[in-house]
Protein backbone atom coordinates (compact mmCIF):
# COMPACT_ATOMS: atom_id res chain seq x y z
CA MET A 1 -25.96 131.60 152.27
CA ASP A 2 -22.69 133.49 151.82
CA GLN A 3 -21.96 135.32 148.62
CA PRO A 4 -19.19 133.58 146.68
CA GLY A 5 -15.69 134.67 147.60
CA ILE A 6 -16.80 136.00 150.99
CA GLY A 7 -13.85 136.61 153.26
CA SER A 8 -11.28 136.59 150.44
CA THR A 9 -10.10 140.05 151.41
CA GLN A 10 -9.00 138.63 154.75
CA LEU A 11 -7.59 135.52 153.06
CA PRO A 12 -5.68 136.70 149.97
CA PHE A 13 -4.34 133.21 149.21
CA LEU A 14 -7.86 132.23 148.12
CA GLU A 15 -7.71 134.42 145.04
CA GLY A 16 -6.96 132.52 141.84
CA ASN A 17 -7.20 129.06 143.35
CA TRP A 18 -10.18 128.04 141.24
CA SER A 19 -11.77 129.01 137.96
CA ILE A 20 -15.39 129.19 136.87
CA LEU A 21 -16.14 127.43 133.60
CA ALA A 22 -19.46 128.55 132.15
CA PRO A 23 -21.40 126.11 129.94
CA THR A 24 -21.88 126.61 126.20
CA LEU A 25 -24.98 124.37 125.94
CA LYS A 26 -23.58 122.84 122.76
CA ALA A 27 -21.05 120.22 121.81
CA THR A 28 -17.48 121.22 121.05
CA PRO A 29 -16.84 120.65 117.31
CA ASN A 30 -15.03 117.40 116.49
CA PHE A 31 -15.03 116.28 120.12
CA TYR A 32 -16.08 112.69 120.68
CA LEU A 33 -17.60 112.04 124.08
CA PRO A 34 -17.73 108.29 124.87
CA PRO A 35 -21.28 107.39 125.98
CA GLN A 36 -20.10 105.27 128.92
CA PHE A 37 -18.14 108.21 130.33
CA ARG A 38 -20.93 110.69 129.65
CA ASN A 39 -23.52 108.48 131.34
CA VAL A 40 -21.52 108.12 134.56
CA VAL A 41 -21.08 111.89 134.93
CA ILE A 42 -24.73 112.56 134.11
CA LEU A 43 -25.97 109.97 136.60
CA HIS A 44 -23.79 111.40 139.35
CA ILE A 45 -25.04 114.95 138.79
CA VAL A 46 -28.70 114.02 138.40
CA LYS A 47 -28.83 111.65 141.38
CA ASN A 48 -27.30 114.33 143.58
CA SER A 49 -30.02 116.73 142.44
CA VAL A 50 -32.96 114.45 143.21
CA SER A 51 -34.25 115.02 146.73
CA ASN A 52 -35.35 111.46 147.48
CA LEU A 53 -31.99 109.88 146.62
CA ARG A 54 -28.80 109.95 148.70
CA PRO A 55 -25.97 108.87 146.38
CA PRO A 56 -22.30 109.45 147.20
CA LEU A 57 -21.52 113.15 146.93
CA ILE A 58 -18.10 112.48 145.38
CA LEU A 59 -17.45 110.78 142.05
CA ALA A 60 -13.79 109.74 141.76
CA ILE A 61 -12.73 109.17 138.14
CA GLN A 62 -9.46 107.26 138.15
CA GLY A 63 -7.30 106.06 135.31
CA PRO A 64 -4.08 106.53 133.31
CA MET A 65 -2.86 110.07 132.69
CA GLY A 66 -3.71 111.77 129.43
CA GLU A 67 -6.92 109.86 128.70
CA GLY A 68 -9.26 112.86 128.92
CA LYS A 69 -10.81 112.45 132.37
CA SER A 70 -11.01 116.16 133.20
CA GLU A 71 -11.58 117.40 129.65
CA GLN A 72 -14.48 115.00 129.10
CA THR A 73 -16.03 115.91 132.45
CA ARG A 74 -15.96 119.59 131.52
CA GLU A 75 -17.44 118.78 128.11
CA VAL A 76 -20.38 116.88 129.64
CA CYS A 77 -21.12 119.77 131.97
CA SER A 78 -20.79 122.34 129.22
CA GLN A 79 -23.29 120.54 127.01
CA LEU A 80 -25.77 120.17 129.87
CA GLY A 81 -25.63 123.80 131.02
CA ILE A 82 -23.73 123.07 134.24
CA ASN A 83 -21.18 125.51 135.64
CA VAL A 84 -17.87 123.98 136.74
CA VAL A 85 -15.94 125.38 139.69
CA SER A 86 -12.55 123.91 138.80
CA LEU A 87 -9.87 123.39 141.42
CA SER A 88 -6.46 121.79 140.91
CA GLY A 89 -5.05 119.28 143.37
CA SER A 90 -1.85 121.29 143.50
CA THR A 91 -3.68 124.24 145.04
CA ILE A 92 -4.67 122.17 148.04
CA SER A 93 -1.12 121.21 148.91
CA GLY A 94 -0.22 124.38 150.78
CA VAL A 95 2.37 124.26 153.54
CA HIS A 96 0.49 126.55 155.91
CA GLU A 97 -1.77 124.76 158.34
CA LYS A 98 -5.48 124.87 157.41
CA GLU A 99 -4.84 126.76 154.17
CA PRO A 100 -5.83 123.83 151.87
CA VAL A 101 -8.91 123.18 154.02
CA ILE A 102 -10.11 126.75 153.64
CA ILE A 103 -9.59 126.57 149.87
CA VAL A 104 -11.70 123.40 149.57
CA ARG A 105 -14.45 124.79 151.80
CA GLU A 106 -14.61 128.12 149.97
CA ALA A 107 -14.56 126.42 146.55
CA TYR A 108 -17.47 124.19 147.62
CA LYS A 109 -19.39 127.24 148.86
CA GLU A 110 -18.73 128.93 145.51
CA ALA A 111 -20.06 125.88 143.65
CA ALA A 112 -23.08 125.60 145.96
CA PHE A 113 -23.93 129.27 145.45
CA ARG A 114 -23.88 128.78 141.68
CA ASN A 115 -25.78 125.50 142.02
CA LYS A 116 -28.52 127.30 143.89
CA ASN A 117 -28.93 129.83 141.09
CA GLY A 118 -28.53 127.37 138.23
CA ARG A 119 -26.55 124.17 138.10
CA ALA A 120 -22.94 123.65 139.16
CA ILE A 121 -20.42 121.09 140.35
CA LEU A 122 -17.05 121.26 142.09
CA LEU A 123 -14.32 119.60 139.99
CA ILE A 124 -10.98 118.82 141.66
CA ASP A 125 -8.40 117.77 139.09
CA ASP A 126 -5.53 115.47 140.06
CA LEU A 127 -6.64 114.98 143.65
CA ASP A 128 -3.96 112.33 144.03
CA THR A 129 -1.29 115.05 143.72
CA SER A 130 -2.66 116.91 146.74
CA VAL A 131 -2.01 116.41 150.44
CA VAL A 132 -5.00 114.06 150.56
CA SER A 133 -2.98 111.29 148.91
CA THR A 134 -0.10 109.93 151.00
CA HIS A 135 2.70 107.65 149.80
CA GLU A 136 5.60 106.01 151.60
CA ASP A 137 7.84 108.90 150.58
CA ARG A 138 5.26 111.57 151.44
CA ARG A 139 4.72 112.51 155.06
CA TYR A 140 1.15 112.42 156.36
CA THR A 141 0.74 115.99 157.57
CA VAL A 142 -1.84 117.86 159.60
CA ASN A 143 -3.17 119.25 156.33
CA SER A 144 -3.59 115.71 154.98
CA GLN A 145 -5.84 114.85 157.92
CA LEU A 146 -7.72 118.13 157.73
CA VAL A 147 -8.45 118.01 154.00
CA SER A 148 -9.50 114.35 154.18
CA GLY A 149 -11.73 115.24 157.11
CA THR A 150 -13.22 118.16 155.20
CA LEU A 151 -14.12 115.99 152.22
CA MET A 152 -15.61 113.39 154.56
CA ASN A 153 -17.67 116.06 156.31
CA LEU A 154 -18.96 117.37 153.00
CA ALA A 155 -19.84 113.84 151.88
CA ASP A 156 -21.70 113.21 155.14
CA ASP A 157 -23.35 116.64 155.36
CA PRO A 158 -23.29 118.52 152.04
CA LEU A 159 -25.83 121.06 153.33
CA HIS A 160 -23.46 122.81 155.70
CA VAL A 161 -19.95 124.21 155.54
CA GLY A 162 -19.26 125.10 159.13
CA ASP A 163 -22.09 127.37 160.19
CA VAL A 164 -22.96 128.29 156.58
CA ASN A 165 -26.01 126.68 154.99
CA THR A 166 -25.44 125.34 151.48
CA ILE A 167 -27.26 123.08 149.04
CA ARG A 168 -26.15 119.63 147.98
CA THR A 169 -23.61 120.12 145.19
CA PRO A 170 -21.93 117.23 143.36
CA ILE A 171 -18.16 116.89 143.62
CA ILE A 172 -16.11 115.16 140.92
CA VAL A 173 -12.43 114.40 141.44
CA THR A 174 -9.94 112.99 138.95
CA GLY A 175 -6.64 111.20 139.47
CA ASN A 176 -4.29 108.48 138.33
CA ASP A 177 -3.87 106.65 141.64
CA PHE A 178 -6.42 106.78 144.45
CA THR A 179 -5.03 103.81 146.36
CA HIS A 180 -3.33 106.15 148.84
CA LEU A 181 -6.40 108.09 149.90
CA TYR A 182 -7.39 108.02 153.56
CA GLU A 183 -9.40 104.79 153.76
CA PRO A 184 -12.46 106.13 155.67
CA LEU A 185 -12.91 108.72 152.91
CA THR A 186 -13.23 105.99 150.27
CA ARG A 187 -15.97 103.97 151.92
CA HIS A 188 -19.30 103.29 150.20
CA GLY A 189 -21.74 106.14 150.56
CA ARG A 190 -19.05 108.83 150.40
CA VAL A 191 -17.24 108.16 147.12
CA TRP A 192 -18.27 106.42 143.92
CA PHE A 193 -15.22 105.18 141.98
CA PHE A 194 -15.22 104.98 138.20
CA ASP A 195 -12.27 103.56 136.25
CA TRP A 196 -11.66 105.26 132.93
CA LYS A 197 -9.39 103.93 130.23
CA PRO A 198 -10.99 104.08 126.77
CA ASP A 199 -11.35 100.77 125.00
CA VAL A 200 -10.12 100.38 121.43
CA GLU A 201 -13.42 101.36 119.83
CA SER A 202 -13.74 104.50 121.96
CA LYS A 203 -10.15 105.54 121.32
CA ILE A 204 -10.57 105.11 117.58
CA GLU A 205 -13.62 107.39 117.65
CA ILE A 206 -11.85 109.95 119.86
CA VAL A 207 -8.81 110.06 117.58
CA LYS A 208 -10.93 110.06 114.45
CA HIS A 209 -12.79 113.16 115.64
CA LEU A 210 -9.46 114.78 116.58
CA PHE A 211 -8.25 114.58 112.98
CA VAL A 212 -11.45 115.70 111.26
CA GLY A 213 -10.43 118.64 109.10
CA HIS A 214 -6.76 117.68 109.36
CA VAL A 215 -6.70 114.67 107.06
CA SER A 216 -8.90 113.71 104.14
CA THR A 217 -12.12 111.75 104.58
CA ALA A 218 -10.50 108.75 102.89
CA GLU A 219 -7.57 108.83 105.30
CA LEU A 220 -9.93 109.12 108.27
CA GLU A 221 -11.31 105.71 107.37
CA GLU A 222 -7.84 104.29 108.07
CA ILE A 223 -7.43 105.98 111.44
CA ASP A 224 -7.67 102.62 113.20
CA ASN A 225 -4.22 101.83 111.76
CA LEU A 226 -2.81 104.89 113.54
CA VAL A 227 -4.44 103.92 116.83
CA SER A 228 -3.25 100.34 116.47
CA GLU A 229 0.34 101.51 115.86
CA PHE A 230 0.30 103.54 119.09
CA GLN A 231 -2.20 101.53 121.09
CA ASP A 232 -0.29 102.01 124.35
CA GLU A 233 -0.23 105.80 124.06
CA PRO A 234 -2.88 107.99 125.77
CA VAL A 235 -5.31 110.26 123.96
CA ALA A 236 -3.06 113.24 124.81
CA PHE A 237 -0.37 111.71 122.58
CA PHE A 238 -2.67 112.03 119.55
CA HIS A 239 -3.54 115.61 120.51
CA GLN A 240 0.15 116.47 120.40
CA LEU A 241 0.65 114.54 117.18
CA ARG A 242 -2.07 116.59 115.48
CA ASN A 243 -0.40 119.82 116.59
CA ASP A 244 3.00 118.63 115.35
CA LEU A 245 1.65 118.26 111.81
CA TYR A 246 2.20 121.92 111.15
CA ASP A 247 5.62 122.53 112.72
CA GLU A 248 7.48 122.52 109.41
CA LEU A 249 4.90 124.72 107.69
CA ILE A 250 4.94 127.30 110.50
CA LEU A 251 8.73 127.52 110.68
CA GLU A 252 9.18 127.70 106.89
CA THR A 253 6.59 130.47 106.65
CA ILE A 254 8.22 132.57 109.37
CA GLU A 255 11.67 132.03 107.85
CA ARG A 256 10.47 133.03 104.38
CA GLU A 257 8.54 136.11 105.47
CA GLY A 258 10.86 137.21 108.25
CA ARG A 259 7.99 137.86 110.67
CA ILE A 260 5.12 136.14 112.45
CA ASP A 261 1.78 136.83 110.79
CA PHE A 262 -0.75 134.88 112.82
CA PRO A 263 -3.77 135.33 110.49
CA HIS A 264 -1.65 134.27 107.51
CA ILE A 265 -0.30 131.21 109.32
CA THR A 266 -3.84 130.27 110.37
CA ASN A 267 -5.00 130.45 106.75
CA LEU A 268 -2.03 128.39 105.58
CA ILE A 269 -2.76 125.67 108.13
CA GLN A 270 -6.41 125.55 107.06
CA SER A 271 -5.50 125.29 103.37
CA ASN A 272 -2.83 122.61 103.96
CA SER A 273 -4.73 120.64 106.60
CA LYS A 274 -5.95 117.73 104.50
CA GLY A 275 -2.73 116.76 102.78
CA THR A 276 -1.46 114.45 105.51
CA THR A 277 -1.64 110.67 105.24
CA ILE A 278 -1.89 108.05 107.95
CA ARG A 279 1.56 106.83 106.88
CA GLU A 280 2.99 110.29 107.58
CA LEU A 281 1.21 110.43 110.95
CA ILE A 282 2.74 107.08 111.90
CA ARG A 283 6.19 108.40 110.91
CA LEU A 284 5.73 111.54 113.04
CA GLY A 285 4.32 109.49 115.89
CA THR A 286 7.31 107.16 115.88
CA LEU A 287 9.64 110.16 116.19
CA LYS A 288 7.53 111.61 118.97
CA ARG A 289 7.46 108.36 120.92
CA GLN A 290 11.26 108.37 120.98
CA ASN A 291 11.23 111.77 122.69
CA LYS A 292 11.04 110.71 126.33
CA PRO A 293 12.13 112.47 129.54
CA ARG A 294 15.78 111.89 130.27
CA SER A 295 18.50 113.22 132.54
CA TYR A 296 21.71 114.89 131.43
CA ILE A 297 22.92 115.62 134.96
CA ALA A 298 25.41 112.74 135.10
CA LYS A 299 26.84 113.69 131.69
CA SER A 300 27.23 117.33 132.65
CA LEU A 301 29.05 116.41 135.83
CA SER A 302 31.43 113.96 134.22
């Protein structure tokens, strides 16, 4: 089989289109991995590695943005010792004919090479932002047909990429809206769809682990009140809320000292990390929720 990256000197646009995420073989501290999500990813990888089974090659994880689809997939793989060849949907939206197809094919060959010498998957984040997904306001291009066809070919024959022999390598794609994928690609046997939106219990555990070390143990027991207050917000909202806790401390320290001392700021955050209450988090969250995208174009033109 080809060495990974073969031909990239003739195709410079391939460089930097994907990254290789090596596993740590241990859990990320204070990261809660919902069992139902973990089990789906594990089953997909294992079934595609058992010779007497022929499951769909592609697992499509679909759900609202900011709920941890990609991050949790990478965490599962990291814990299990599986390399992740990570490709963004935006990189397979090139305007040049066949360019996105070559990127997908080469990324799969890269993943297959690493799968042969260990374990690996191909992860395509936000596939619905690529040329594969077509909407009423998005023209169905030649590249749309070619990339859809490439994924179908891989699903039907994962042992060959053109005239190159490969080994069966699981593909996982994430997205918010897969209703606009080319219908033949989505048929049974090619893609296995999994809807992910954490239920209340899972979200409470996720958020609780996020704030370990940032609020006191007593306050952690009340974290369900924080989740209930912002029940319609995604997990990413709580990530940002945790980071915002230290804005005032950071700015006051820099103003007082007249410089940025990163080690000192880090120590200050660690020493002040458990003084926040759930009431204060709700106050900060309310302010954050009011900060929505808006346009000032009309005002500036008037």
